Amino acid sequence: MSDFYCEQVLKGLTPVDTVQETDLVLAYHHTRPSYPVHIVVVPKQHVPSLEELGDGGEELLTEVMRVVRSVAAQVRAEHGAACVVTNLGDYQESKHLHVHVLYRGDKPEGLG
């Protein structure tokens, strides 16, 4: 599947637990989380990647980052830490811009 977000999530074929939503962006708990807190933020229109913004352009990227910022602040406030990650190239399994907001669990000894 080249675009899980357009083909499944945004069509409602894969139900998700919404964290935050605007007219242009959806943030939800990952359907198969790899971390104690694993939230995915996606634009509602197809945007290929962080490098390739397609028709969404900088304006849509700004809205995506506004939601990422808000969600990351919520995660940090609740857990004391947050990690924000996006992937490019071969690391990007689904060819639709998506940003992971994570709380990975206990912080390494000596941090925080």
PDB file of N, CA and C in Angstrom:
ATOM      1  N   MET A   1       0.856  -1.178   0.000  1.00  0.00           N
ATOM      2  CA  MET A   1       0.000   0.000   0.000  1.00  0.00           C
ATOM      3  C   MET A   1       0.897   1.234   0.000  1.00  0.00           C
ATOM      4  N   SER A   2       0.734   2.101  -0.977  1.00  0.00           N
ATOM      5  CA  SER A   2       1.622   3.254  -1.088  1.00  0.00           C
ATOM      6  C   SER A   2       1.153   4.452  -0.268  1.00  0.00           C
ATOM      7  N   ASP A   3      -0.149   4.559   0.052  1.00  0.00           N
ATOM      8  CA  ASP A   3      -0.635   5.694   0.829  1.00  0.00           C
ATOM      9  C   ASP A   3      -1.735   5.234   1.781  1.00  0.00           C
ATOM     10  N   PHE A   4      -1.315   4.644   2.884  1.00  0.00           N
ATOM     11  CA  PHE A   4      -2.226   4.147   3.913  1.00  0.00           C
ATOM     12  C   PHE A   4      -3.167   5.245   4.395  1.00  0.00           C
ATOM     13  N   TYR A   5      -2.672   6.468   4.498  1.00  0.00           N
ATOM     14  CA  TYR A   5      -3.468   7.562   5.059  1.00  0.00           C
ATOM     15  C   TYR A   5      -4.620   7.938   4.140  1.00  0.00           C
ATOM     16  N   CYS A   6      -4.355   8.158   2.856  1.00  0.00           N
ATOM     17  CA  CYS A   6      -5.433   8.485   1.915  1.00  0.00           C
ATOM     18  C   CYS A   6      -6.351   7.286   1.675  1.00  0.00           C
ATOM     19  N   GLU A   7      -5.759   6.110   1.534  1.00  0.00           N
ATOM     20  CA  GLU A   7      -6.532   4.930   1.149  1.00  0.00           C
ATOM     21  C   GLU A   7      -7.318   4.312   2.301  1.00  0.00           C
ATOM     22  N   GLN A   8      -6.887   4.507   3.533  1.00  0.00           N
ATOM     23  CA  GLN A   8      -7.544   3.865   4.668  1.00  0.00           C
ATOM     24  C   GLN A   8      -8.068   4.850   5.718  1.00  0.00           C
ATOM     25  N   VAL A   9      -7.171   5.604   6.316  1.00  0.00           N
ATOM     26  CA  VAL A   9      -7.531   6.454   7.455  1.00  0.00           C
ATOM     27  C   VAL A   9      -8.477   7.577   7.044  1.00  0.00           C
ATOM     28  N   LEU A  10      -8.100   8.352   6.054  1.00  0.00           N
ATOM     29  CA  LEU A  10      -8.895   9.526   5.684  1.00  0.00           C
ATOM     30  C   LEU A  10     -10.221   9.157   5.022  1.00  0.00           C
ATOM     31  N   LYS A  11     -10.344   7.948   4.512  1.00  0.00           N
ATOM     32  CA  LYS A  11     -11.620   7.458   3.969  1.00  0.00           C
ATOM     33  C   LYS A  11     -12.480   6.825   5.050  1.00  0.00           C
ATOM     34  N   GLY A  12     -11.935   6.687   6.257  1.00  0.00           N
ATOM     35  CA  GLY A  12     -12.687   6.080   7.352  1.00  0.00           C
ATOM     36  C   GLY A  12     -12.711   4.569   7.330  1.00  0.00           C
ATOM     37  N   LEU A  13     -11.908   3.934   6.472  1.00  0.00           N
ATOM     38  CA  LEU A  13     -11.876   2.473   6.388  1.00  0.00           C
ATOM     39  C   LEU A  13     -11.108   1.846   7.547  1.00  0.00           C
ATOM     40  N   THR A  14     -10.181   2.588   8.107  1.00  0.00           N
ATOM     41  CA  THR A  14      -9.460   2.164   9.309  1.00  0.00           C
ATOM     42  C   THR A  14      -9.852   3.151  10.404  1.00  0.00           C
ATOM     43  N   PRO A  15     -10.599   2.688  11.410  1.00  0.00           N
ATOM     44  CA  PRO A  15     -11.007   3.603  12.476  1.00  0.00           C
ATOM     45  C   PRO A  15      -9.806   4.041  13.309  1.00  0.00           C
ATOM     46  N   VAL A  16      -9.818   5.318  13.731  1.00  0.00           N
ATOM     47  CA  VAL A  16      -8.723   5.855  14.536  1.00  0.00           C
ATOM     48  C   VAL A  16      -9.286   6.613  15.736  1.00  0.00           C
ATOM     49  N   ASP A  17      -8.452   6.726  16.756  1.00  0.00           N
ATOM     50  CA  ASP A  17      -8.773   7.485  17.965  1.00  0.00           C
ATOM     51  C   ASP A  17      -8.172   8.880  17.790  1.00  0.00           C
ATOM     52  N   THR A  18      -9.014   9.848  17.463  1.00  0.00           N
ATOM     53  CA  THR A  18      -8.564  11.205  17.152  1.00  0.00           C
ATOM     54  C   THR A  18      -8.069  11.931  18.390  1.00  0.00           C
ATOM     55  N   VAL A  19      -6.917  12.585  18.243  1.00  0.00           N
ATOM     56  CA  VAL A  19      -6.333  13.412  19.299  1.00  0.00           C
ATOM     57  C   VAL A  19      -6.673  14.873  19.051  1.00  0.00           C
ATOM     58  N   GLN A  20      -6.549  15.286  17.783  1.00  0.00           N
ATOM     59  CA  GLN A  20      -6.818  16.675  17.408  1.00  0.00           C
ATOM     60  C   GLN A  20      -7.151  16.685  15.921  1.00  0.00           C
ATOM     61  N   GLU A  21      -8.027  17.611  15.524  1.00  0.00           N
ATOM     62  CA  GLU A  21      -8.405  17.691  14.118  1.00  0.00           C
ATOM     63  C   GLU A  21      -8.723  19.130  13.752  1.00  0.00           C
ATOM     64  N   THR A  22      -8.258  19.535  12.575  1.00  0.00           N
ATOM     65  CA  THR A  22      -8.635  20.822  11.993  1.00  0.00           C
ATOM     66  C   THR A  22      -9.249  20.530  10.631  1.00  0.00           C
ATOM     67  N   ASP A  23      -9.609  21.555   9.913  1.00  0.00           N
ATOM     68  CA  ASP A  23     -10.151  21.344   8.566  1.00  0.00           C
ATOM     69  C   ASP A  23      -9.127  20.680   7.655  1.00  0.00           C
ATOM     70  N   LEU A  24      -7.838  20.887   7.933  1.00  0.00           N
ATOM     71  CA  LEU A  24      -6.778  20.432   7.033  1.00  0.00           C
ATOM     72  C   LEU A  24      -5.917  19.299   7.575  1.00  0.00           C
ATOM     73  N   VAL A  25      -5.969  19.026   8.880  1.00  0.00           N
ATOM     74  CA  VAL A  25      -5.014  18.111   9.507  1.00  0.00           C
ATOM     75  C   VAL A  25      -5.728  17.196  10.499  1.00  0.00           C
ATOM     76  N   LEU A  26      -5.265  15.948  10.554  1.00  0.00           N
ATOM     77  CA  LEU A  26      -5.770  14.966  11.513  1.00  0.00           C
ATOM     78  C   LEU A  26      -4.608  14.427  12.335  1.00  0.00           C
ATOM     79  N   ALA A  27      -4.777  14.401  13.664  1.00  0.00           N
ATOM     80  CA  ALA A  27      -3.809  13.785  14.572  1.00  0.00           C
ATOM     81  C   ALA A  27      -4.547  12.687  15.317  1.00  0.00           C
ATOM     82  N   TYR A  28      -3.957  11.484  15.353  1.00  0.00           N
ATOM     83  CA  TYR A  28      -4.634  10.352  15.991  1.00  0.00           C
ATOM     84  C   TYR A  28      -3.613   9.387  16.583  1.00  0.00           C
ATOM     85  N   HIS A  29      -4.087   8.562  17.509  1.00  0.00           N
ATOM     86  CA  HIS A  29      -3.222   7.542  18.086  1.00  0.00           C
ATOM     87  C   HIS A  29      -2.922   6.488  17.015  1.00  0.00           C
ATOM     88  N   HIS A  30      -1.652   6.149  16.864  1.00  0.00           N
ATOM     89  CA  HIS A  30      -1.210   5.164  15.870  1.00  0.00           C
ATOM     90  C   HIS A  30      -1.998   3.876  16.038  1.00  0.00           C
ATOM     91  N   THR A  31      -2.359   3.256  14.931  1.00  0.00           N
ATOM     92  CA  THR A  31      -3.151   2.022  14.988  1.00  0.00           C
ATOM     93  C   THR A  31      -2.326   0.819  15.431  1.00  0.00           C
ATOM     94  N   ARG A  32      -1.018   0.903  15.291  1.00  0.00           N
ATOM     95  CA  ARG A  32      -0.110  -0.152  15.773  1.00  0.00           C
ATOM     96  C   ARG A  32       1.080   0.531  16.448  1.00  0.00           C
ATOM     97  N   PRO A  33       0.866   1.076  17.640  1.00  0.00           N
ATOM     98  CA  PRO A  33       1.908   1.894  18.284  1.00  0.00           C
ATOM     99  C   PRO A  33       3.176   1.120  18.610  1.00  0.00           C
ATOM    100  N   SER A  34       4.301   1.807  18.448  1.00  0.00           N
ATOM    101  CA  SER A  34       5.607   1.246  18.788  1.00  0.00           C
ATOM    102  C   SER A  34       6.123   1.795  20.112  1.00  0.00           C
ATOM    103  N   TYR A  35       5.391   2.731  20.695  1.00  0.00           N
ATOM    104  CA  TYR A  35       5.820   3.416  21.916  1.00  0.00           C
ATOM    105  C   TYR A  35       4.619   3.578  22.839  1.00  0.00           C
ATOM    106  N   PRO A  36       4.863   3.879  24.132  1.00  0.00           N
ATOM    107  CA  PRO A  36       3.745   4.075  25.061  1.00  0.00           C
ATOM    108  C   PRO A  36       2.765   5.155  24.593  1.00  0.00           C
ATOM    109  N   VAL A  37       3.264   6.233  24.003  1.00  0.00           N
ATOM    110  CA  VAL A  37       2.423   7.236  23.347  1.00  0.00           C
ATOM    111  C   VAL A  37       2.951   7.373  21.932  1.00  0.00           C
ATOM    112  N   HIS A  38       2.086   7.155  20.946  1.00  0.00           N
ATOM    113  CA  HIS A  38       2.498   7.180  19.542  1.00  0.00           C
ATOM    114  C   HIS A  38       1.354   7.798  18.734  1.00  0.00           C
ATOM    115  N   ILE A  39       1.501   9.065  18.426  1.00  0.00           N
ATOM    116  CA  ILE A  39       0.477   9.825  17.714  1.00  0.00           C
ATOM    117  C   ILE A  39       0.992  10.165  16.319  1.00  0.00           C
ATOM    118  N   VAL A  40       0.114  10.064  15.340  1.00  0.00           N
ATOM    119  CA  VAL A  40       0.458  10.379  13.951  1.00  0.00           C
ATOM    120  C   VAL A  40      -0.321  11.629  13.538  1.00  0.00           C
ATOM    121  N   VAL A  41       0.380  12.559  12.887  1.00  0.00           N
ATOM    122  CA  VAL A  41      -0.243  13.792  12.384  1.00  0.00           C
ATOM    123  C   VAL A  41      -0.121  13.777  10.865  1.00  0.00           C
ATOM    124  N   VAL A  42      -1.262  13.905  10.167  1.00  0.00           N
ATOM    125  CA  VAL A  42      -1.265  13.858   8.701  1.00  0.00           C
ATOM    126  C   VAL A  42      -2.110  14.991   8.128  1.00  0.00           C
ATOM    127  N   PRO A  43      -1.686  15.529   6.982  1.00  0.00           N
ATOM    128  CA  PRO A  43      -2.572  16.446   6.273  1.00  0.00           C
ATOM    129  C   PRO A  43      -3.718  15.643   5.662  1.00  0.00           C
ATOM    130  N   LYS A  44      -4.889  16.242   5.572  1.00  0.00           N
ATOM    131  CA  LYS A  44      -6.052  15.544   5.025  1.00  0.00           C
ATOM    132  C   LYS A  44      -6.038  15.466   3.502  1.00  0.00           C
ATOM    133  N   GLN A  45      -5.211  16.255   2.857  1.00  0.00           N
ATOM    134  CA  GLN A  45      -5.047  16.108   1.406  1.00  0.00           C
ATOM    135  C   GLN A  45      -3.702  15.434   1.169  1.00  0.00           C
ATOM    136  N   HIS A  46      -3.556  14.817   0.024  1.00  0.00           N
ATOM    137  CA  HIS A  46      -2.309  14.097  -0.248  1.00  0.00           C
ATOM    138  C   HIS A  46      -1.135  15.059  -0.380  1.00  0.00           C
ATOM    139  N   VAL A  47      -0.126  14.809   0.431  1.00  0.00           N
ATOM    140  CA  VAL A  47       1.158  15.506   0.363  1.00  0.00           C
ATOM    141  C   VAL A  47       2.199  14.393   0.374  1.00  0.00           C
ATOM    142  N   PRO A  48       3.008  14.252  -0.681  1.00  0.00           N
ATOM    143  CA  PRO A  48       3.919  13.119  -0.775  1.00  0.00           C
ATOM    144  C   PRO A  48       4.928  12.987   0.379  1.00  0.00           C
ATOM    145  N   SER A  49       5.556  14.087   0.788  1.00  0.00           N
ATOM    146  CA  SER A  49       6.572  13.995   1.842  1.00  0.00           C
ATOM    147  C   SER A  49       6.948  15.400   2.307  1.00  0.00           C
ATOM    148  N   LEU A  50       7.810  15.458   3.289  1.00  0.00           N
ATOM    149  CA  LEU A  50       8.310  16.741   3.778  1.00  0.00           C
ATOM    150  C   LEU A  50       9.098  17.469   2.692  1.00  0.00           C
ATOM    151  N   GLU A  51       9.763  16.732   1.826  1.00  0.00           N
ATOM    152  CA  GLU A  51      10.524  17.328   0.726  1.00  0.00           C
ATOM    153  C   GLU A  51       9.635  17.717  -0.456  1.00  0.00           C
ATOM    154  N   GLU A  52       8.622  16.912  -0.684  1.00  0.00           N
ATOM    155  CA  GLU A  52       7.762  17.047  -1.859  1.00  0.00           C
ATOM    156  C   GLU A  52       6.355  17.424  -1.393  1.00  0.00           C
ATOM    157  N   LEU A  53       6.058  18.707  -1.315  1.00  0.00           N
ATOM    158  CA  LEU A  53       4.808  19.161  -0.709  1.00  0.00           C
ATOM    159  C   LEU A  53       3.602  19.076  -1.635  1.00  0.00           C
ATOM    160  N   GLY A  54       3.816  18.806  -2.905  1.00  0.00           N
ATOM    161  CA  GLY A  54       2.695  18.699  -3.834  1.00  0.00           C
ATOM    162  C   GLY A  54       1.864  19.964  -3.858  1.00  0.00           C
ATOM    163  N   ASP A  55       0.544  19.825  -4.035  1.00  0.00           N
ATOM    164  CA  ASP A  55      -0.352  20.983  -4.127  1.00  0.00           C
ATOM    165  C   ASP A  55      -0.576  21.662  -2.783  1.00  0.00           C
ATOM    166  N   GLY A  56      -0.250  20.984  -1.685  1.00  0.00           N
ATOM    167  CA  GLY A  56      -0.472  21.559  -0.355  1.00  0.00           C
ATOM    168  C   GLY A  56       0.391  22.766  -0.084  1.00  0.00           C
ATOM    169  N   GLY A  57       1.611  22.722  -0.540  1.00  0.00           N
ATOM    170  CA  GLY A  57       2.536  23.837  -0.383  1.00  0.00           C
ATOM    171  C   GLY A  57       2.873  24.177   1.055  1.00  0.00           C
ATOM    172  N   GLU A  58       3.561  25.273   1.209  1.00  0.00           N
ATOM    173  CA  GLU A  58       4.044  25.738   2.513  1.00  0.00           C
ATOM    174  C   GLU A  58       2.909  26.038   3.490  1.00  0.00           C
ATOM    175  N   GLU A  59       1.775  26.506   2.972  1.00  0.00           N
ATOM    176  CA  GLU A  59       0.658  26.852   3.849  1.00  0.00           C
ATOM    177  C   GLU A  59       0.144  25.615   4.583  1.00  0.00           C
ATOM    178  N   LEU A  60      -0.007  24.514   3.875  1.00  0.00           N
ATOM    179  CA  LEU A  60      -0.480  23.282   4.504  1.00  0.00           C
ATOM    180  C   LEU A  60       0.575  22.739   5.463  1.00  0.00           C
ATOM    181  N   LEU A  61       1.836  22.819   5.072  1.00  0.00           N
ATOM    182  CA  LEU A  61       2.914  22.381   5.962  1.00  0.00           C
ATOM    183  C   LEU A  61       2.888  23.190   7.265  1.00  0.00           C
ATOM    184  N   THR A  62       2.614  24.471   7.166  1.00  0.00           N
ATOM    185  CA  THR A  62       2.514  25.315   8.359  1.00  0.00           C
ATOM    186  C   THR A  62       1.393  24.823   9.273  1.00  0.00           C
ATOM    187  N   GLU A  63       0.253  24.454   8.708  1.00  0.00           N
ATOM    188  CA  GLU A  63      -0.864  23.944   9.508  1.00  0.00           C
ATOM    189  C   GLU A  63      -0.517  22.589  10.136  1.00  0.00           C
ATOM    190  N   VAL A  64       0.156  21.733   9.381  1.00  0.00           N
ATOM    191  CA  VAL A  64       0.600  20.449   9.934  1.00  0.00           C
ATOM    192  C   VAL A  64       1.511  20.705  11.131  1.00  0.00           C
ATOM    193  N   MET A  65       2.475  21.592  10.973  1.00  0.00           N
ATOM    194  CA  MET A  65       3.412  21.864  12.066  1.00  0.00           C
ATOM    195  C   MET A  65       2.731  22.544  13.253  1.00  0.00           C
ATOM    196  N   ARG A  66       1.704  23.315  13.013  1.00  0.00           N
ATOM    197  CA  ARG A  66       0.932  23.930  14.101  1.00  0.00           C
ATOM    198  C   ARG A  66       0.299  22.819  14.956  1.00  0.00           C
ATOM    199  N   VAL A  67      -0.270  21.815  14.308  1.00  0.00           N
ATOM    200  CA  VAL A  67      -0.885  20.698  15.038  1.00  0.00           C
ATOM    201  C   VAL A  67       0.190  19.856  15.711  1.00  0.00           C
ATOM    202  N   VAL A  68       1.297  19.583  15.024  1.00  0.00           N
ATOM    203  CA  VAL A  68       2.408  18.832  15.630  1.00  0.00           C
ATOM    204  C   VAL A  68       2.876  19.538  16.897  1.00  0.00           C
ATOM    205  N   ARG A  69       3.046  20.829  16.814  1.00  0.00           N
ATOM    206  CA  ARG A  69       3.504  21.619  17.968  1.00  0.00           C
ATOM    207  C   ARG A  69       2.539  21.484  19.142  1.00  0.00           C
ATOM    208  N   SER A  70       1.260  21.584  18.870  1.00  0.00           N
ATOM    209  CA  SER A  70       0.242  21.488  19.913  1.00  0.00           C
ATOM    210  C   SER A  70       0.211  20.093  20.543  1.00  0.00           C
ATOM    211  N   VAL A  71       0.239  19.067  19.697  1.00  0.00           N
ATOM    212  CA  VAL A  71       0.212  17.685  20.193  1.00  0.00           C
ATOM    213  C   VAL A  71       1.485  17.382  20.982  1.00  0.00           C
ATOM    214  N   ALA A  72       2.638  17.814  20.480  1.00  0.00           N
ATOM    215  CA  ALA A  72       3.905  17.579  21.186  1.00  0.00           C
ATOM    216  C   ALA A  72       3.897  18.267  22.548  1.00  0.00           C
ATOM    217  N   ALA A  73       3.332  19.466  22.620  1.00  0.00           N
ATOM    218  CA  ALA A  73       3.247  20.173  23.897  1.00  0.00           C
ATOM    219  C   ALA A  73       2.366  19.412  24.881  1.00  0.00           C
ATOM    220  N   GLN A  74       1.272  18.826  24.406  1.00  0.00           N
ATOM    221  CA  GLN A  74       0.396  18.021  25.263  1.00  0.00           C
ATOM    222  C   GLN A  74       1.126  16.790  25.786  1.00  0.00           C
ATOM    223  N   VAL A  75       1.847  16.109  24.904  1.00  0.00           N
ATOM    224  CA  VAL A  75       2.584  14.907  25.295  1.00  0.00           C
ATOM    225  C   VAL A  75       3.672  15.269  26.304  1.00  0.00           C
ATOM    226  N   ARG A  76       4.414  16.336  26.039  1.00  0.00           N
ATOM    227  CA  ARG A  76       5.465  16.750  26.964  1.00  0.00           C
ATOM    228  C   ARG A  76       4.888  17.148  28.312  1.00  0.00           C
ATOM    229  N   ALA A  77       3.780  17.865  28.318  1.00  0.00           N
ATOM    230  CA  ALA A  77       3.154  18.284  29.574  1.00  0.00           C
ATOM    231  C   ALA A  77       2.705  17.073  30.394  1.00  0.00           C
ATOM    232  N   GLU A  78       2.212  16.064  29.726  1.00  0.00           N
ATOM    233  CA  GLU A  78       1.719  14.875  30.423  1.00  0.00           C
ATOM    234  C   GLU A  78       2.826  13.916  30.845  1.00  0.00           C
ATOM    235  N   HIS A  79       3.876  13.791  30.034  1.00  0.00           N
ATOM    236  CA  HIS A  79       4.894  12.761  30.264  1.00  0.00           C
ATOM    237  C   HIS A  79       6.290  13.310  30.548  1.00  0.00           C
ATOM    238  N   GLY A  80       6.497  14.610  30.363  1.00  0.00           N
ATOM    239  CA  GLY A  80       7.801  15.204  30.625  1.00  0.00           C
ATOM    240  C   GLY A  80       8.745  15.197  29.442  1.00  0.00           C
ATOM    241  N   ALA A  81       8.366  14.536  28.352  1.00  0.00           N
ATOM    242  CA  ALA A  81       9.219  14.467  27.166  1.00  0.00           C
ATOM    243  C   ALA A  81       8.355  14.141  25.951  1.00  0.00           C
ATOM    244  N   ALA A  82       8.820  14.562  24.789  1.00  0.00           N
ATOM    245  CA  ALA A  82       8.167  14.213  23.530  1.00  0.00           C
ATOM    246  C   ALA A  82       9.241  14.142  22.453  1.00  0.00           C
ATOM    247  N   CYS A  83       9.013  13.302  21.479  1.00  0.00           N
ATOM    248  CA  CYS A  83       9.910  13.147  20.339  1.00  0.00           C
ATOM    249  C   CYS A  83       9.072  13.368  19.088  1.00  0.00           C
ATOM    250  N   VAL A  84       9.594  14.127  18.119  1.00  0.00           N
ATOM    251  CA  VAL A  84       8.885  14.393  16.872  1.00  0.00           C
ATOM    252  C   VAL A  84       9.742  13.851  15.732  1.00  0.00           C
ATOM    253  N   VAL A  85       9.136  12.982  14.900  1.00  0.00           N
ATOM    254  CA  VAL A  85       9.891  12.286  13.855  1.00  0.00           C
ATOM    255  C   VAL A  85       9.089  12.253  12.555  1.00  0.00           C
ATOM    256  N   THR A  86       9.775  12.465  11.438  1.00  0.00           N
ATOM    257  CA  THR A  86       9.194  12.169  10.135  1.00  0.00           C
ATOM    258  C   THR A  86      10.253  11.423   9.332  1.00  0.00           C
ATOM    259  N   ASN A  87       9.833  10.729   8.307  1.00  0.00           N
ATOM    260  CA  ASN A  87      10.746   9.910   7.521  1.00  0.00           C
ATOM    261  C   ASN A  87      10.736  10.348   6.063  1.00  0.00           C
ATOM    262  N   LEU A  88      11.851  10.066   5.382  1.00  0.00           N
ATOM    263  CA  LEU A  88      11.987  10.392   3.965  1.00  0.00           C
ATOM    264  C   LEU A  88      12.577   9.203   3.223  1.00  0.00           C
ATOM    265  N   GLY A  89      12.369   9.186   1.935  1.00  0.00           N
ATOM    266  CA  GLY A  89      12.975   8.147   1.094  1.00  0.00           C
ATOM    267  C   GLY A  89      12.538   6.747   1.490  1.00  0.00           C
ATOM    268  N   ASP A  90      13.488   5.833   1.531  1.00  0.00           N
ATOM    269  CA  ASP A  90      13.180   4.443   1.840  1.00  0.00           C
ATOM    270  C   ASP A  90      12.636   4.257   3.246  1.00  0.00           C
ATOM    271  N   TYR A  91      12.901   5.191   4.158  1.00  0.00           N
ATOM    272  CA  TYR A  91      12.357   5.101   5.517  1.00  0.00           C
ATOM    273  C   TYR A  91      10.865   5.405   5.559  1.00  0.00           C
ATOM    274  N   GLN A  92      10.347   6.090   4.547  1.00  0.00           N
ATOM    275  CA  GLN A  92       8.946   6.498   4.526  1.00  0.00           C
ATOM    276  C   GLN A  92       8.115   5.415   3.856  1.00  0.00           C
ATOM    277  N   GLU A  93       7.532   4.523   4.661  1.00  0.00           N
ATOM    278  CA  GLU A  93       6.757   3.405   4.122  1.00  0.00           C
ATOM    279  C   GLU A  93       5.515   3.871   3.372  1.00  0.00           C
ATOM    280  N   SER A  94       4.746   4.769   3.968  1.00  0.00           N
ATOM    281  CA  SER A  94       3.563   5.305   3.310  1.00  0.00           C
ATOM    282  C   SER A  94       3.942   6.636   2.677  1.00  0.00           C
ATOM    283  N   LYS A  95       3.716   6.753   1.401  1.00  0.00           N
ATOM    284  CA  LYS A  95       4.141   7.943   0.661  1.00  0.00           C
ATOM    285  C   LYS A  95       3.127   9.080   0.812  1.00  0.00           C
ATOM    286  N   HIS A  96       2.916   9.474   2.048  1.00  0.00           N
ATOM    287  CA  HIS A  96       2.033  10.585   2.424  1.00  0.00           C
ATOM    288  C   HIS A  96       2.694  11.210   3.638  1.00  0.00           C
ATOM    289  N   LEU A  97       2.908  12.509   3.601  1.00  0.00           N
ATOM    290  CA  LEU A  97       3.548  13.185   4.727  1.00  0.00           C
ATOM    291  C   LEU A  97       2.853  12.801   6.025  1.00  0.00           C
ATOM    292  N   HIS A  98       3.621  12.332   6.978  1.00  0.00           N
ATOM    293  CA  HIS A  98       3.091  12.043   8.304  1.00  0.00           C
ATOM    294  C   HIS A  98       4.201  12.276   9.321  1.00  0.00           C
ATOM    295  N   VAL A  99       3.797  12.792  10.466  1.00  0.00           N
ATOM    296  CA  VAL A  99       4.740  13.124  11.526  1.00  0.00           C
ATOM    297  C   VAL A  99       4.328  12.336  12.762  1.00  0.00           C
ATOM    298  N   HIS A 100       5.290  11.648  13.367  1.00  0.00           N
ATOM    299  CA  HIS A 100       5.044  10.887  14.582  1.00  0.00           C
ATOM    300  C   HIS A 100       5.391  11.760  15.784  1.00  0.00           C
ATOM    301  N   VAL A 101       4.494  11.824  16.747  1.00  0.00           N
ATOM    302  CA  VAL A 101       4.755  12.485  18.018  1.00  0.00           C
ATOM    303  C   VAL A 101       4.751  11.375  19.065  1.00  0.00           C
ATOM    304  N   LEU A 102       5.887  11.212  19.743  1.00  0.00           N
ATOM    305  CA  LEU A 102       6.087  10.047  20.598  1.00  0.00           C
ATOM    306  C   LEU A 102       6.458  10.416  22.024  1.00  0.00           C
ATOM    307  N   TYR A 103       6.078   9.560  22.923  1.00  0.00           N
ATOM    308  CA  TYR A 103       6.703   9.482  24.240  1.00  0.00           C
ATOM    309  C   TYR A 103       7.241   8.066  24.273  1.00  0.00           C
ATOM    310  N   ARG A 104       8.566   7.927  24.352  1.00  0.00           N
ATOM    311  CA  ARG A 104       9.220   6.621  24.212  1.00  0.00           C
ATOM    312  C   ARG A 104       9.256   5.822  25.497  1.00  0.00           C
ATOM    313  N   GLY A 105       8.852   6.421  26.594  1.00  0.00           N
ATOM    314  CA  GLY A 105       8.893   5.708  27.869  1.00  0.00           C
ATOM    315  C   GLY A 105       9.955   6.307  28.758  1.00  0.00           C
ATOM    316  N   ASP A 106      10.460   5.504  29.653  1.00  0.00           N
ATOM    317  CA  ASP A 106      11.462   5.994  30.603  1.00  0.00           C
ATOM    318  C   ASP A 106      12.628   6.638  29.877  1.00  0.00           C
ATOM    319  N   LYS A 107      13.072   7.779  30.425  1.00  0.00           N
ATOM    320  CA  LYS A 107      14.208   8.481  29.844  1.00  0.00           C
ATOM    321  C   LYS A 107      15.494   7.778  30.266  1.00  0.00           C
ATOM    322  N   PRO A 108      16.522   7.819  29.428  1.00  0.00           N
ATOM    323  CA  PRO A 108      17.804   7.202  29.793  1.00  0.00           C
ATOM    324  C   PRO A 108      18.364   7.793  31.094  1.00  0.00           C
ATOM    325  N   GLU A 109      19.068   6.990  31.835  1.00  0.00           N
ATOM    326  CA  GLU A 109      19.663   7.434  33.095  1.00  0.00           C
ATOM    327  C   GLU A 109      20.511   8.674  32.863  1.00  0.00           C
ATOM    328  N   GLY A 110      20.396   9.646  33.748  1.00  0.00           N
ATOM    329  CA  GLY A 110      21.169  10.862  33.643  1.00  0.00           C
ATOM    330  C   GLY A 110      20.455  11.981  32.923  1.00  0.00           C
ATOM    331  N   LEU A 111      19.327  11.680  32.249  1.00  0.00           N
ATOM    332  CA  LEU A 111      18.546  12.723  31.581  1.00  0.00           C
ATOM    333  C   LEU A 111      17.344  13.079  32.439  1.00  0.00           C
ATOM    334  N   GLY A 112      16.976  14.349  32.361  1.00  0.00           N
ATOM    335  CA  GLY A 112      15.762  14.833  32.996  1.00  0.00           C
ATOM    336  C   GLY A 112      15.782  14.732  34.455  1.00  0.00           C
TER     337      GLY A 112
END
